């Protein structure tokens, strides 16, 4: 018989899964940005994968190199398609028609950092 998970455990597990997905998307976008800089350094905007926690999300966020650099300069920030903001442990620090920038805090940030340490 499987041990029963209470609501707090279920929420923690979901938060950890979302944090993993966000960190995976961020790493993919970092590799993509490096590659684009190599092959098309004058490109005005780059296409990136939405960094929301939904593993089924395939939507694209388009950012200029400057916008991308601003988000990446803060390790707790992620960019998502507007409407993909989600966790109570995140704050929207910027929102416009094509992107929302969220900043993780609390347990959500701890989960992202824990996952990133585990894959380094």
PDB file of N, CA and C in Angstrom:
ATOM      1  N   UNK A   1       0.836  -1.177   0.000  1.00  0.00           N
ATOM      2  CA  UNK A   1       0.000   0.000   0.000  1.00  0.00           C
ATOM      3  C   UNK A   1       0.882   1.242   0.000  1.00  0.00           C
ATOM      4  N   UNK A   2       0.570   2.185  -0.887  1.00  0.00           N
ATOM      5  CA  UNK A   2       1.313   3.442  -0.960  1.00  0.00           C
ATOM      6  C   UNK A   2       0.947   4.341   0.199  1.00  0.00           C
ATOM      7  N   UNK A   3       1.953   5.039   0.768  1.00  0.00           N
ATOM      8  CA  UNK A   3       1.613   5.996   1.823  1.00  0.00           C
ATOM      9  C   UNK A   3       0.766   7.120   1.238  1.00  0.00           C
ATOM     10  N   UNK A   4      -0.154   7.567   2.013  1.00  0.00           N
ATOM     11  CA  UNK A   4      -1.056   8.626   1.567  1.00  0.00           C
ATOM     12  C   UNK A   4      -0.385   9.988   1.676  1.00  0.00           C
ATOM     13  N   UNK A   5      -0.505  10.797   0.631  1.00  0.00           N
ATOM     14  CA  UNK A   5       0.078  12.131   0.631  1.00  0.00           C
ATOM     15  C   UNK A   5      -0.977  13.130   1.088  1.00  0.00           C
ATOM     16  N   UNK A   6      -0.592  14.013   1.985  1.00  0.00           N
ATOM     17  CA  UNK A   6      -1.540  15.044   2.370  1.00  0.00           C
ATOM     18  C   UNK A   6      -1.474  16.205   1.386  1.00  0.00           C
ATOM     19  N   UNK A   7      -2.332  17.177   1.560  1.00  0.00           N
ATOM     20  CA  UNK A   7      -2.428  18.303   0.629  1.00  0.00           C
ATOM     21  C   UNK A   7      -1.106  19.070   0.546  1.00  0.00           C
ATOM     22  N   UNK A   8      -0.433  19.262   1.661  1.00  0.00           N
ATOM     23  CA  UNK A   8       0.841  19.994   1.661  1.00  0.00           C
ATOM     24  C   UNK A   8       1.894  19.243   0.856  1.00  0.00           C
ATOM     25  N   UNK A   9       1.946  17.908   1.007  1.00  0.00           N
ATOM     26  CA  UNK A   9       2.900  17.113   0.231  1.00  0.00           C
ATOM     27  C   UNK A   9       2.589  17.183  -1.255  1.00  0.00           C
ATOM     28  N   UNK A  10       1.319  17.132  -1.610  1.00  0.00           N
ATOM     29  CA  UNK A  10       0.915  17.209  -3.009  1.00  0.00           C
ATOM     30  C   UNK A  10       1.306  18.555  -3.601  1.00  0.00           C
ATOM     31  N   UNK A  11       1.071  19.638  -2.875  1.00  0.00           N
ATOM     32  CA  UNK A  11       1.434  20.979  -3.347  1.00  0.00           C
ATOM     33  C   UNK A  11       2.945  21.098  -3.501  1.00  0.00           C
ATOM     34  N   UNK A  12       3.694  20.535  -2.544  1.00  0.00           N
ATOM     35  CA  UNK A  12       5.151  20.589  -2.610  1.00  0.00           C
ATOM     36  C   UNK A  12       5.652  19.813  -3.834  1.00  0.00           C
ATOM     37  N   UNK A  13       5.096  18.644  -4.069  1.00  0.00           N
ATOM     38  CA  UNK A  13       5.490  17.831  -5.215  1.00  0.00           C
ATOM     39  C   UNK A  13       5.186  18.566  -6.516  1.00  0.00           C
ATOM     40  N   UNK A  14       4.013  19.180  -6.609  1.00  0.00           N
ATOM     41  CA  UNK A  14       3.649  19.935  -7.805  1.00  0.00           C
ATOM     42  C   UNK A  14       4.594  21.108  -7.997  1.00  0.00           C
ATOM     43  N   UNK A  15       4.905  21.821  -6.933  1.00  0.00           N
ATOM     44  CA  UNK A  15       5.820  22.971  -7.008  1.00  0.00           C
ATOM     45  C   UNK A  15       7.208  22.508  -7.464  1.00  0.00           C
ATOM     46  N   UNK A  16       7.660  21.360  -6.951  1.00  0.00           N
ATOM     47  CA  UNK A  16       8.964  20.845  -7.353  1.00  0.00           C
ATOM     48  C   UNK A  16       8.976  20.455  -8.831  1.00  0.00           C
ATOM     49  N   UNK A  17       7.898  19.841  -9.316  1.00  0.00           N
ATOM     50  CA  UNK A  17       7.794  19.487 -10.737  1.00  0.00           C
ATOM     51  C   UNK A  17       7.809  20.731 -11.603  1.00  0.00           C
ATOM     52  N   UNK A  18       7.048  21.749 -11.213  1.00  0.00           N
ATOM     53  CA  UNK A  18       7.016  22.995 -11.977  1.00  0.00           C
ATOM     54  C   UNK A  18       8.388  23.660 -11.965  1.00  0.00           C
ATOM     55  N   UNK A  19       9.041  23.652 -10.816  1.00  0.00           N
ATOM     56  CA  UNK A  19      10.374  24.251 -10.724  1.00  0.00           C
ATOM     57  C   UNK A  19      11.348  23.533 -11.642  1.00  0.00           C
ATOM     58  N   UNK A  20      11.268  22.217 -11.689  1.00  0.00           N
ATOM     59  CA  UNK A  20      12.115  21.449 -12.600  1.00  0.00           C
ATOM     60  C   UNK A  20      11.872  21.869 -14.041  1.00  0.00           C
ATOM     61  N   UNK A  21      10.603  21.944 -14.420  1.00  0.00           N
ATOM     62  CA  UNK A  21      10.272  22.328 -15.798  1.00  0.00           C
ATOM     63  C   UNK A  21      10.786  23.725 -16.115  1.00  0.00           C
ATOM     64  N   UNK A  22      10.598  24.653 -15.200  1.00  0.00           N
ATOM     65  CA  UNK A  22      11.068  26.026 -15.432  1.00  0.00           C
ATOM     66  C   UNK A  22      12.581  26.057 -15.602  1.00  0.00           C
ATOM     67  N   UNK A  23      13.281  25.327 -14.753  1.00  0.00           N
ATOM     68  CA  UNK A  23      14.740  25.294 -14.834  1.00  0.00           C
ATOM     69  C   UNK A  23      15.205  24.627 -16.133  1.00  0.00           C
ATOM     70  N   UNK A  24      14.521  23.584 -16.549  1.00  0.00           N
ATOM     71  CA  UNK A  24      14.858  22.908 -17.807  1.00  0.00           C
ATOM     72  C   UNK A  24      14.667  23.859 -18.976  1.00  0.00           C
ATOM     73  N   UNK A  25      13.537  24.573 -19.008  1.00  0.00           N
ATOM     74  CA  UNK A  25      13.288  25.528 -20.094  1.00  0.00           C
ATOM     75  C   UNK A  25      14.320  26.652 -20.071  1.00  0.00           C
ATOM     76  N   UNK A  26      14.688  27.106 -18.872  1.00  0.00           N
ATOM     77  CA  UNK A  26      15.684  28.179 -18.782  1.00  0.00           C
ATOM     78  C   UNK A  26      17.024  27.709 -19.351  1.00  0.00           C
ATOM     79  N   UNK A  27      17.443  26.492 -18.998  1.00  0.00           N
ATOM     80  CA  UNK A  27      18.711  25.966 -19.516  1.00  0.00           C
ATOM     81  C   UNK A  27      18.671  25.825 -21.040  1.00  0.00           C
ATOM     82  N   UNK A  28      17.542  25.360 -21.558  1.00  0.00           N
ATOM     83  CA  UNK A  28      17.401  25.232 -23.013  1.00  0.00           C
ATOM     84  C   UNK A  28      17.509  26.604 -23.671  1.00  0.00           C
ATOM     85  N   UNK A  29      16.867  27.597 -23.076  1.00  0.00           N
ATOM     86  CA  UNK A  29      16.926  28.950 -23.630  1.00  0.00           C
ATOM     87  C   UNK A  29      18.333  29.536 -23.551  1.00  0.00           C
ATOM     88  N   UNK A  30      19.066  29.227 -22.496  1.00  0.00           N
ATOM     89  CA  UNK A  30      20.437  29.715 -22.390  1.00  0.00           C
ATOM     90  C   UNK A  30      21.299  29.139 -23.510  1.00  0.00           C
ATOM     91  N   UNK A  31      21.139  27.851 -23.787  1.00  0.00           N
ATOM     92  CA  UNK A  31      21.887  27.231 -24.889  1.00  0.00           C
ATOM     93  C   UNK A  31      21.457  27.826 -26.226  1.00  0.00           C
ATOM     94  N   UNK A  32      20.168  28.052 -26.380  1.00  0.00           N
ATOM     95  CA  UNK A  32      19.647  28.647 -27.612  1.00  0.00           C
ATOM     96  C   UNK A  32      20.226  30.045 -27.823  1.00  0.00           C
ATOM     97  N   UNK A  33      20.250  30.855 -26.770  1.00  0.00           N
ATOM     98  CA  UNK A  33      20.786  32.219 -26.878  1.00  0.00           C
ATOM     99  C   UNK A  33      22.262  32.194 -27.275  1.00  0.00           C
ATOM    100  N   UNK A  34      23.028  31.291 -26.690  1.00  0.00           N
ATOM    101  CA  UNK A  34      24.447  31.177 -27.051  1.00  0.00           C
ATOM    102  C   UNK A  34      24.593  30.825 -28.528  1.00  0.00           C
ATOM    103  N   UNK A  35      23.810  29.885 -28.979  1.00  0.00           N
ATOM    104  CA  UNK A  35      23.892  29.442 -30.374  1.00  0.00           C
ATOM    105  C   UNK A  35      23.469  30.560 -31.333  1.00  0.00           C
ATOM    106  N   UNK A  36      22.404  31.259 -31.006  1.00  0.00           N
ATOM    107  CA  UNK A  36      21.948  32.359 -31.866  1.00  0.00           C
ATOM    108  C   UNK A  36      23.012  33.444 -31.942  1.00  0.00           C
ATOM    109  N   UNK A  37      23.647  33.738 -30.815  1.00  0.00           N
ATOM    110  CA  UNK A  37      24.712  34.754 -30.815  1.00  0.00           C
ATOM    111  C   UNK A  37      25.851  34.342 -31.735  1.00  0.00           C
ATOM    112  N   UNK A  38      26.120  33.042 -31.822  1.00  0.00           N
ATOM    113  CA  UNK A  38      27.190  32.546 -32.700  1.00  0.00           C
ATOM    114  C   UNK A  38      26.821  32.674 -34.177  1.00  0.00           C
ATOM    115  N   UNK A  39      25.588  32.287 -34.514  1.00  0.00           N
ATOM    116  CA  UNK A  39      25.237  32.203 -35.931  1.00  0.00           C
ATOM    117  C   UNK A  39      24.517  33.429 -36.472  1.00  0.00           C
ATOM    118  N   UNK A  40      23.907  34.219 -35.605  1.00  0.00           N
ATOM    119  CA  UNK A  40      23.164  35.402 -36.072  1.00  0.00           C
ATOM    120  C   UNK A  40      23.277  36.529 -35.053  1.00  0.00           C
ATOM    121  N   UNK A  41      24.478  37.033 -34.820  1.00  0.00           N
ATOM    122  CA  UNK A  41      24.675  38.033 -33.760  1.00  0.00           C
ATOM    123  C   UNK A  41      23.942  39.351 -33.985  1.00  0.00           C
ATOM    124  N   UNK A  42      23.501  39.629 -35.193  1.00  0.00           N
ATOM    125  CA  UNK A  42      22.812  40.896 -35.458  1.00  0.00           C
ATOM    126  C   UNK A  42      21.290  40.757 -35.430  1.00  0.00           C
ATOM    127  N   UNK A  43      20.800  39.594 -35.120  1.00  0.00           N
ATOM    128  CA  UNK A  43      19.355  39.367 -35.055  1.00  0.00           C
ATOM    129  C   UNK A  43      18.736  40.295 -34.007  1.00  0.00           C
ATOM    130  N   UNK A  44      17.657  40.978 -34.367  1.00  0.00           N
ATOM    131  CA  UNK A  44      17.027  41.958 -33.470  1.00  0.00           C
ATOM    132  C   UNK A  44      16.228  41.300 -32.350  1.00  0.00           C
ATOM    133  N   UNK A  45      15.651  40.139 -32.626  1.00  0.00           N
ATOM    134  CA  UNK A  45      14.873  39.420 -31.618  1.00  0.00           C
ATOM    135  C   UNK A  45      15.157  37.938 -31.734  1.00  0.00           C
ATOM    136  N   UNK A  46      15.100  37.264 -30.590  1.00  0.00           N
ATOM    137  CA  UNK A  46      15.333  35.824 -30.538  1.00  0.00           C
ATOM    138  C   UNK A  46      14.035  35.125 -30.143  1.00  0.00           C
ATOM    139  N   UNK A  47      13.755  33.951 -30.698  1.00  0.00           N
ATOM    140  CA  UNK A  47      12.619  33.157 -30.232  1.00  0.00           C
ATOM    141  C   UNK A  47      13.066  32.247 -29.088  1.00  0.00           C
ATOM    142  N   UNK A  48      12.294  32.247 -28.011  1.00  0.00           N
ATOM    143  CA  UNK A  48      12.604  31.407 -26.857  1.00  0.00           C
ATOM    144  C   UNK A  48      11.379  30.595 -26.451  1.00  0.00           C
ATOM    145  N   UNK A  49      11.634  29.521 -25.736  1.00  0.00           N
ATOM    146  CA  UNK A  49      10.574  28.686 -25.188  1.00  0.00           C
ATOM    147  C   UNK A  49      10.031  29.366 -23.930  1.00  0.00           C
ATOM    148  N   UNK A  50       8.714  29.426 -23.801  1.00  0.00           N
ATOM    149  CA  UNK A  50       8.092  29.944 -22.585  1.00  0.00           C
ATOM    150  C   UNK A  50       8.652  29.173 -21.394  1.00  0.00           C
ATOM    151  N   UNK A  51       9.030  29.883 -20.342  1.00  0.00           N
ATOM    152  CA  UNK A  51       9.639  29.262 -19.170  1.00  0.00           C
ATOM    153  C   UNK A  51       8.646  28.999 -18.041  1.00  0.00           C
ATOM    154  N   UNK A  52       7.395  28.783 -18.405  1.00  0.00           N
ATOM    155  CA  UNK A  52       6.405  28.448 -17.381  1.00  0.00           C
ATOM    156  C   UNK A  52       6.635  27.013 -16.921  1.00  0.00           C
ATOM    157  N   UNK A  53       5.939  26.613 -15.896  1.00  0.00           N
ATOM    158  CA  UNK A  53       6.132  25.286 -15.334  1.00  0.00           C
ATOM    159  C   UNK A  53       5.382  24.172 -16.027  1.00  0.00           C
ATOM    160  N   UNK A  54       4.564  24.497 -17.004  1.00  0.00           N
ATOM    161  CA  UNK A  54       3.757  23.484 -17.694  1.00  0.00           C
ATOM    162  C   UNK A  54       4.626  22.703 -18.672  1.00  0.00           C
ATOM    163  N   UNK A  55       4.846  21.414 -18.446  1.00  0.00           N
ATOM    164  CA  UNK A  55       5.717  20.642 -19.329  1.00  0.00           C
ATOM    165  C   UNK A  55       5.154  20.476 -20.744  1.00  0.00           C
ATOM    166  N   UNK A  56       3.872  20.756 -20.939  1.00  0.00           N
ATOM    167  CA  UNK A  56       3.256  20.635 -22.267  1.00  0.00           C
ATOM    168  C   UNK A  56       3.308  21.939 -23.053  1.00  0.00           C
ATOM    169  N   UNK A  57       3.734  23.012 -22.431  1.00  0.00           N
ATOM    170  CA  UNK A  57       3.745  24.311 -23.099  1.00  0.00           C
ATOM    171  C   UNK A  57       4.808  24.328 -24.195  1.00  0.00           C
ATOM    172  N   UNK A  58       4.406  24.772 -25.351  1.00  0.00           N
ATOM    173  CA  UNK A  58       5.334  24.893 -26.484  1.00  0.00           C
ATOM    174  C   UNK A  58       5.279  26.294 -27.085  1.00  0.00           C
ATOM    175  N   UNK A  59       4.740  27.242 -26.342  1.00  0.00           N
ATOM    176  CA  UNK A  59       4.602  28.589 -26.874  1.00  0.00           C
ATOM    177  C   UNK A  59       5.950  29.308 -26.880  1.00  0.00           C
ATOM    178  N   UNK A  60       6.037  30.262 -27.783  1.00  0.00           N
ATOM    179  CA  UNK A  60       7.285  30.988 -27.999  1.00  0.00           C
ATOM    180  C   UNK A  60       7.163  32.421 -27.491  1.00  0.00           C
ATOM    181  N   UNK A  61       8.234  32.881 -26.857  1.00  0.00           N
ATOM    182  CA  UNK A  61       8.377  34.261 -26.413  1.00  0.00           C
ATOM    183  C   UNK A  61       9.511  34.860 -27.239  1.00  0.00           C
ATOM    184  N   UNK A  62       9.279  36.013 -27.818  1.00  0.00           N
ATOM    185  CA  UNK A  62      10.310  36.676 -28.614  1.00  0.00           C
ATOM    186  C   UNK A  62      10.865  37.847 -27.811  1.00  0.00           C
ATOM    187  N   UNK A  63      12.193  37.854 -27.646  1.00  0.00           N
ATOM    188  CA  UNK A  63      12.863  38.897 -26.872  1.00  0.00           C
ATOM    189  C   UNK A  63      14.056  39.439 -27.643  1.00  0.00           C
ATOM    190  N   UNK A  64      14.341  40.706 -27.436  1.00  0.00           N
ATOM    191  CA  UNK A  64      15.577  41.275 -27.974  1.00  0.00           C
ATOM    192  C   UNK A  64      16.731  40.763 -27.097  1.00  0.00           C
ATOM    193  N   UNK A  65      17.944  40.831 -27.609  1.00  0.00           N
ATOM    194  CA  UNK A  65      19.090  40.433 -26.774  1.00  0.00           C
ATOM    195  C   UNK A  65      19.161  41.228 -25.467  1.00  0.00           C
ATOM    196  N   UNK A  66      18.777  42.505 -25.516  1.00  0.00           N
ATOM    197  CA  UNK A  66      18.805  43.336 -24.308  1.00  0.00           C
ATOM    198  C   UNK A  66      17.770  42.853 -23.294  1.00  0.00           C
ATOM    199  N   UNK A  67      16.551  42.560 -23.777  1.00  0.00           N
ATOM    200  CA  UNK A  67      15.504  42.063 -22.882  1.00  0.00           C
ATOM    201  C   UNK A  67      15.931  40.732 -22.255  1.00  0.00           C
ATOM    202  N   UNK A  68      16.465  39.856 -23.078  1.00  0.00           N
ATOM    203  CA  UNK A  68      16.922  38.554 -22.583  1.00  0.00           C
ATOM    204  C   UNK A  68      17.989  38.749 -21.501  1.00  0.00           C
ATOM    205  N   UNK A  69      18.954  39.624 -21.768  1.00  0.00           N
ATOM    206  CA  UNK A  69      20.014  39.887 -20.802  1.00  0.00           C
ATOM    207  C   UNK A  69      19.500  40.453 -19.491  1.00  0.00           C
ATOM    208  N   UNK A  70      18.486  41.312 -19.567  1.00  0.00           N
ATOM    209  CA  UNK A  70      17.906  41.883 -18.347  1.00  0.00           C
ATOM    210  C   UNK A  70      17.261  40.798 -17.491  1.00  0.00           C
ATOM    211  N   UNK A  71      16.549  39.883 -18.111  1.00  0.00           N
ATOM    212  CA  UNK A  71      15.917  38.806 -17.352  1.00  0.00           C
ATOM    213  C   UNK A  71      16.991  37.906 -16.749  1.00  0.00           C
ATOM    214  N   UNK A  72      17.966  37.520 -17.554  1.00  0.00           N
ATOM    215  CA  UNK A  72      19.001  36.599 -17.094  1.00  0.00           C
ATOM    216  C   UNK A  72      19.929  37.213 -16.045  1.00  0.00           C
ATOM    217  N   UNK A  73      19.975  38.540 -15.955  1.00  0.00           N
ATOM    218  CA  UNK A  73      20.850  39.171 -14.968  1.00  0.00           C
ATOM    219  C   UNK A  73      20.351  38.948 -13.539  1.00  0.00           C
ATOM    220  N   UNK A  74      19.151  38.457 -13.402  1.00  0.00           N
ATOM    221  CA  UNK A  74      18.579  38.181 -12.088  1.00  0.00           C
ATOM    222  C   UNK A  74      18.217  36.689 -12.035  1.00  0.00           C
ATOM    223  N   UNK A  75      18.913  35.898 -11.225  1.00  0.00           N
ATOM    224  CA  UNK A  75      18.723  34.443 -11.247  1.00  0.00           C
ATOM    225  C   UNK A  75      17.339  33.952 -10.836  1.00  0.00           C
ATOM    226  N   UNK A  76      16.541  34.786 -10.207  1.00  0.00           N
ATOM    227  CA  UNK A  76      15.203  34.356  -9.782  1.00  0.00           C
ATOM    228  C   UNK A  76      14.128  34.709 -10.801  1.00  0.00           C
ATOM    229  N   UNK A  77      14.530  35.268 -11.951  1.00  0.00           N
ATOM    230  CA  UNK A  77      13.544  35.714 -12.942  1.00  0.00           C
ATOM    231  C   UNK A  77      13.443  34.764 -14.132  1.00  0.00           C
ATOM    232  N   UNK A  78      12.215  34.655 -14.614  1.00  0.00           N
ATOM    233  CA  UNK A  78      11.887  33.821 -15.756  1.00  0.00           C
ATOM    234  C   UNK A  78      10.963  34.618 -16.661  1.00  0.00           C
ATOM    235  N   UNK A  79      10.929  34.282 -17.944  1.00  0.00           N
ATOM    236  CA  UNK A  79       9.980  34.930 -18.847  1.00  0.00           C
ATOM    237  C   UNK A  79       8.964  33.901 -19.334  1.00  0.00           C
ATOM    238  N   UNK A  80       7.720  34.347 -19.405  1.00  0.00           N
ATOM    239  CA  UNK A  80       6.623  33.467 -19.802  1.00  0.00           C
ATOM    240  C   UNK A  80       5.680  34.214 -20.738  1.00  0.00           C
ATOM    241  N   UNK A  81       4.897  33.445 -21.459  1.00  0.00           N
ATOM    242  CA  UNK A  81       3.831  34.014 -22.277  1.00  0.00           C
ATOM    243  C   UNK A  81       2.819  34.644 -21.318  1.00  0.00           C
ATOM    244  N   UNK A  82       2.309  35.834 -21.608  1.00  0.00           N
ATOM    245  CA  UNK A  82       1.291  36.416 -20.729  1.00  0.00           C
ATOM    246  C   UNK A  82       0.141  35.426 -20.505  1.00  0.00           C
ATOM    247  N   UNK A  83      -0.252  35.303 -19.256  1.00  0.00           N
ATOM    248  CA  UNK A  83      -1.284  34.339 -18.881  1.00  0.00           C
ATOM    249  C   UNK A  83      -0.711  33.052 -18.321  1.00  0.00           C
ATOM    250  N   UNK A  84       0.615  32.855 -18.440  1.00  0.00           N
ATOM    251  CA  UNK A  84       1.238  31.637 -17.926  1.00  0.00           C
ATOM    252  C   UNK A  84       1.871  31.845 -16.550  1.00  0.00           C
ATOM    253  N   UNK A  85       1.626  33.004 -15.958  1.00  0.00           N
ATOM    254  CA  UNK A  85       2.070  33.230 -14.595  1.00  0.00           C
ATOM    255  C   UNK A  85       1.246  32.277 -13.736  1.00  0.00           C
ATOM    256  N   UNK A  86       1.806  31.835 -12.609  1.00  0.00           N
ATOM    257  CA  UNK A  86       0.992  30.859 -11.917  1.00  0.00           C
ATOM    258  C   UNK A  86       1.170  30.714 -10.431  1.00  0.00           C
ATOM    259  N   UNK A  87       2.357  30.647  -9.944  1.00  0.00           N
ATOM    260  CA  UNK A  87       2.590  30.275  -8.560  1.00  0.00           C
ATOM    261  C   UNK A  87       2.381  31.460  -7.618  1.00  0.00           C
ATOM    262  N   UNK A  88       1.917  31.154  -6.433  1.00  0.00           N
ATOM    263  CA  UNK A  88       1.732  32.220  -5.444  1.00  0.00           C
ATOM    264  C   UNK A  88       3.074  32.735  -4.931  1.00  0.00           C
ATOM    265  N   UNK A  89       4.145  31.964  -5.148  1.00  0.00           N
ATOM    266  CA  UNK A  89       5.488  32.380  -4.731  1.00  0.00           C
ATOM    267  C   UNK A  89       6.235  33.094  -5.847  1.00  0.00           C
ATOM    268  N   UNK A  90       5.514  33.751  -6.738  1.00  0.00           N
ATOM    269  CA  UNK A  90       6.157  34.532  -7.778  1.00  0.00           C
ATOM    270  C   UNK A  90       5.425  35.848  -7.953  1.00  0.00           C
ATOM    271  N   UNK A  91       6.197  36.835  -8.368  1.00  0.00           N
ATOM    272  CA  UNK A  91       5.662  38.163  -8.588  1.00  0.00           C
ATOM    273  C   UNK A  91       5.913  38.544 -10.040  1.00  0.00           C
ATOM    274  N   UNK A  92       4.928  39.139 -10.669  1.00  0.00           N
ATOM    275  CA  UNK A  92       5.122  39.646 -12.023  1.00  0.00           C
ATOM    276  C   UNK A  92       5.842  40.977 -11.897  1.00  0.00           C
ATOM    277  N   UNK A  93       7.049  41.053 -12.455  1.00  0.00           N
ATOM    278  CA  UNK A  93       7.829  42.295 -12.384  1.00  0.00           C
ATOM    279  C   UNK A  93       7.726  43.101 -13.671  1.00  0.00           C
ATOM    280  N   UNK A  94       7.211  42.472 -14.722  1.00  0.00           N
ATOM    281  CA  UNK A  94       6.981  43.171 -15.984  1.00  0.00           C
ATOM    282  C   UNK A  94       5.938  42.400 -16.774  1.00  0.00           C
ATOM    283  N   UNK A  95       5.051  43.126 -17.389  1.00  0.00           N
ATOM    284  CA  UNK A  95       4.046  42.486 -18.242  1.00  0.00           C
ATOM    285  C   UNK A  95       3.750  43.417 -19.405  1.00  0.00           C
ATOM    286  N   UNK A  96       3.802  42.880 -20.605  1.00  0.00           N
ATOM    287  CA  UNK A  96       3.331  43.624 -21.765  1.00  0.00           C
ATOM    288  C   UNK A  96       2.664  42.629 -22.708  1.00  0.00           C
ATOM    289  N   UNK A  97       2.403  43.032 -23.913  1.00  0.00           N
ATOM    290  CA  UNK A  97       1.621  42.198 -24.834  1.00  0.00           C
ATOM    291  C   UNK A  97       2.315  40.896 -25.210  1.00  0.00           C
ATOM    292  N   UNK A  98       3.651  40.876 -25.186  1.00  0.00           N
ATOM    293  CA  UNK A  98       4.331  39.675 -25.666  1.00  0.00           C
ATOM    294  C   UNK A  98       5.077  38.878 -24.606  1.00  0.00           C
ATOM    295  N   UNK A  99       5.231  39.419 -23.400  1.00  0.00           N
ATOM    296  CA  UNK A  99       5.977  38.684 -22.375  1.00  0.00           C
ATOM    297  C   UNK A  99       5.591  39.149 -20.977  1.00  0.00           C
ATOM    298  N   UNK A 100       5.635  38.209 -20.061  1.00  0.00           N
ATOM    299  CA  UNK A 100       5.574  38.523 -18.631  1.00  0.00           C
ATOM    300  C   UNK A 100       6.878  38.037 -18.027  1.00  0.00           C
ATOM    301  N   UNK A 101       7.466  38.856 -17.180  1.00  0.00           N
ATOM    302  CA  UNK A 101       8.672  38.458 -16.466  1.00  0.00           C
ATOM    303  C   UNK A 101       8.261  38.246 -15.019  1.00  0.00           C
ATOM    304  N   UNK A 102       8.545  37.045 -14.527  1.00  0.00           N
ATOM    305  CA  UNK A 102       8.175  36.703 -13.162  1.00  0.00           C
ATOM    306  C   UNK A 102       9.430  36.531 -12.323  1.00  0.00           C
ATOM    307  N   UNK A 103       9.286  36.817 -11.036  1.00  0.00           N
ATOM    308  CA  UNK A 103      10.387  36.630 -10.105  1.00  0.00           C
ATOM    309  C   UNK A 103       9.937  35.653  -9.034  1.00  0.00           C
ATOM    310  N   UNK A 104      10.697  34.584  -8.895  1.00  0.00           N
ATOM    311  CA  UNK A 104      10.399  33.552  -7.907  1.00  0.00           C
ATOM    312  C   UNK A 104      10.848  33.999  -6.523  1.00  0.00           C
ATOM    313  N   UNK A 105      10.155  33.500  -5.511  1.00  0.00           N
ATOM    314  CA  UNK A 105      10.525  33.756  -4.118  1.00  0.00           C
ATOM    315  C   UNK A 105      10.104  32.536  -3.299  1.00  0.00           C
ATOM    316  N   UNK A 106      10.474  32.524  -2.062  1.00  0.00           N
ATOM    317  CA  UNK A 106      10.015  31.495  -1.137  1.00  0.00           C
ATOM    318  C   UNK A 106      10.303  30.076  -1.593  1.00  0.00           C
ATOM    319  N   UNK A 107       9.324  29.196  -1.382  1.00  0.00           N
ATOM    320  CA  UNK A 107       9.495  27.784  -1.712  1.00  0.00           C
ATOM    321  C   UNK A 107       9.698  27.548  -3.207  1.00  0.00           C
ATOM    322  N   UNK A 108       9.068  28.370  -4.042  1.00  0.00           N
ATOM    323  CA  UNK A 108       9.222  28.198  -5.489  1.00  0.00           C
ATOM    324  C   UNK A 108      10.667  28.462  -5.902  1.00  0.00           C
ATOM    325  N   UNK A 109      11.268  29.518  -5.371  1.00  0.00           N
ATOM    326  CA  UNK A 109      12.672  29.818  -5.673  1.00  0.00           C
ATOM    327  C   UNK A 109      13.576  28.729  -5.110  1.00  0.00           C
ATOM    328  N   UNK A 110      13.313  28.289  -3.907  1.00  0.00           N
ATOM    329  CA  UNK A 110      14.123  27.226  -3.296  1.00  0.00           C
ATOM    330  C   UNK A 110      14.060  25.951  -4.132  1.00  0.00           C
ATOM    331  N   UNK A 111      12.897  25.632  -4.669  1.00  0.00           N
ATOM    332  CA  UNK A 111      12.746  24.429  -5.491  1.00  0.00           C
ATOM    333  C   UNK A 111      13.544  24.550  -6.785  1.00  0.00           C
ATOM    334  N   UNK A 112      13.508  25.731  -7.431  1.00  0.00           N
ATOM    335  CA  UNK A 112      14.284  25.947  -8.659  1.00  0.00           C
ATOM    336  C   UNK A 112      15.769  25.816  -8.350  1.00  0.00           C
ATOM    337  N   UNK A 113      16.230  26.483  -7.300  1.00  0.00           N
ATOM    338  CA  UNK A 113      17.650  26.450  -6.943  1.00  0.00           C
ATOM    339  C   UNK A 113      18.100  25.035  -6.598  1.00  0.00           C
ATOM    340  N   UNK A 114      17.265  24.306  -5.890  1.00  0.00           N
ATOM    341  CA  UNK A 114      17.602  22.920  -5.515  1.00  0.00           C
ATOM    342  C   UNK A 114      17.752  22.054  -6.760  1.00  0.00           C
ATOM    343  N   UNK A 115      16.820  22.200  -7.702  1.00  0.00           N
ATOM    344  CA  UNK A 115      16.917  21.407  -8.926  1.00  0.00           C
ATOM    345  C   UNK A 115      18.154  21.793  -9.725  1.00  0.00           C
ATOM    346  N   UNK A 116      18.431  23.071  -9.847  1.00  0.00           N
ATOM    347  CA  UNK A 116      19.592  23.511 -10.621  1.00  0.00           C
ATOM    348  C   UNK A 116      20.894  23.008 -10.003  1.00  0.00           C
ATOM    349  N   UNK A 117      20.978  22.982  -8.666  1.00  0.00           N
ATOM    350  CA  UNK A 117      22.166  22.438  -8.007  1.00  0.00           C
ATOM    351  C   UNK A 117      22.314  20.954  -8.293  1.00  0.00           C
ATOM    352  N   UNK A 118      21.191  20.255  -8.381  1.00  0.00           N
ATOM    353  CA  UNK A 118      21.245  18.799  -8.575  1.00  0.00           C
ATOM    354  C   UNK A 118      21.720  18.395  -9.971  1.00  0.00           C
ATOM    355  N   UNK A 119      21.590  19.301 -10.954  1.00  0.00           N
ATOM    356  CA  UNK A 119      21.997  18.967 -12.318  1.00  0.00           C
ATOM    357  C   UNK A 119      23.343  19.601 -12.707  1.00  0.00           C
ATOM    358  N   UNK A 120      23.886  20.421 -11.848  1.00  0.00           N
ATOM    359  CA  UNK A 120      25.192  21.051 -12.151  1.00  0.00           C
ATOM    360  C   UNK A 120      26.323  20.085 -11.947  1.00  0.00           C
TER     361      UNK A 120
END
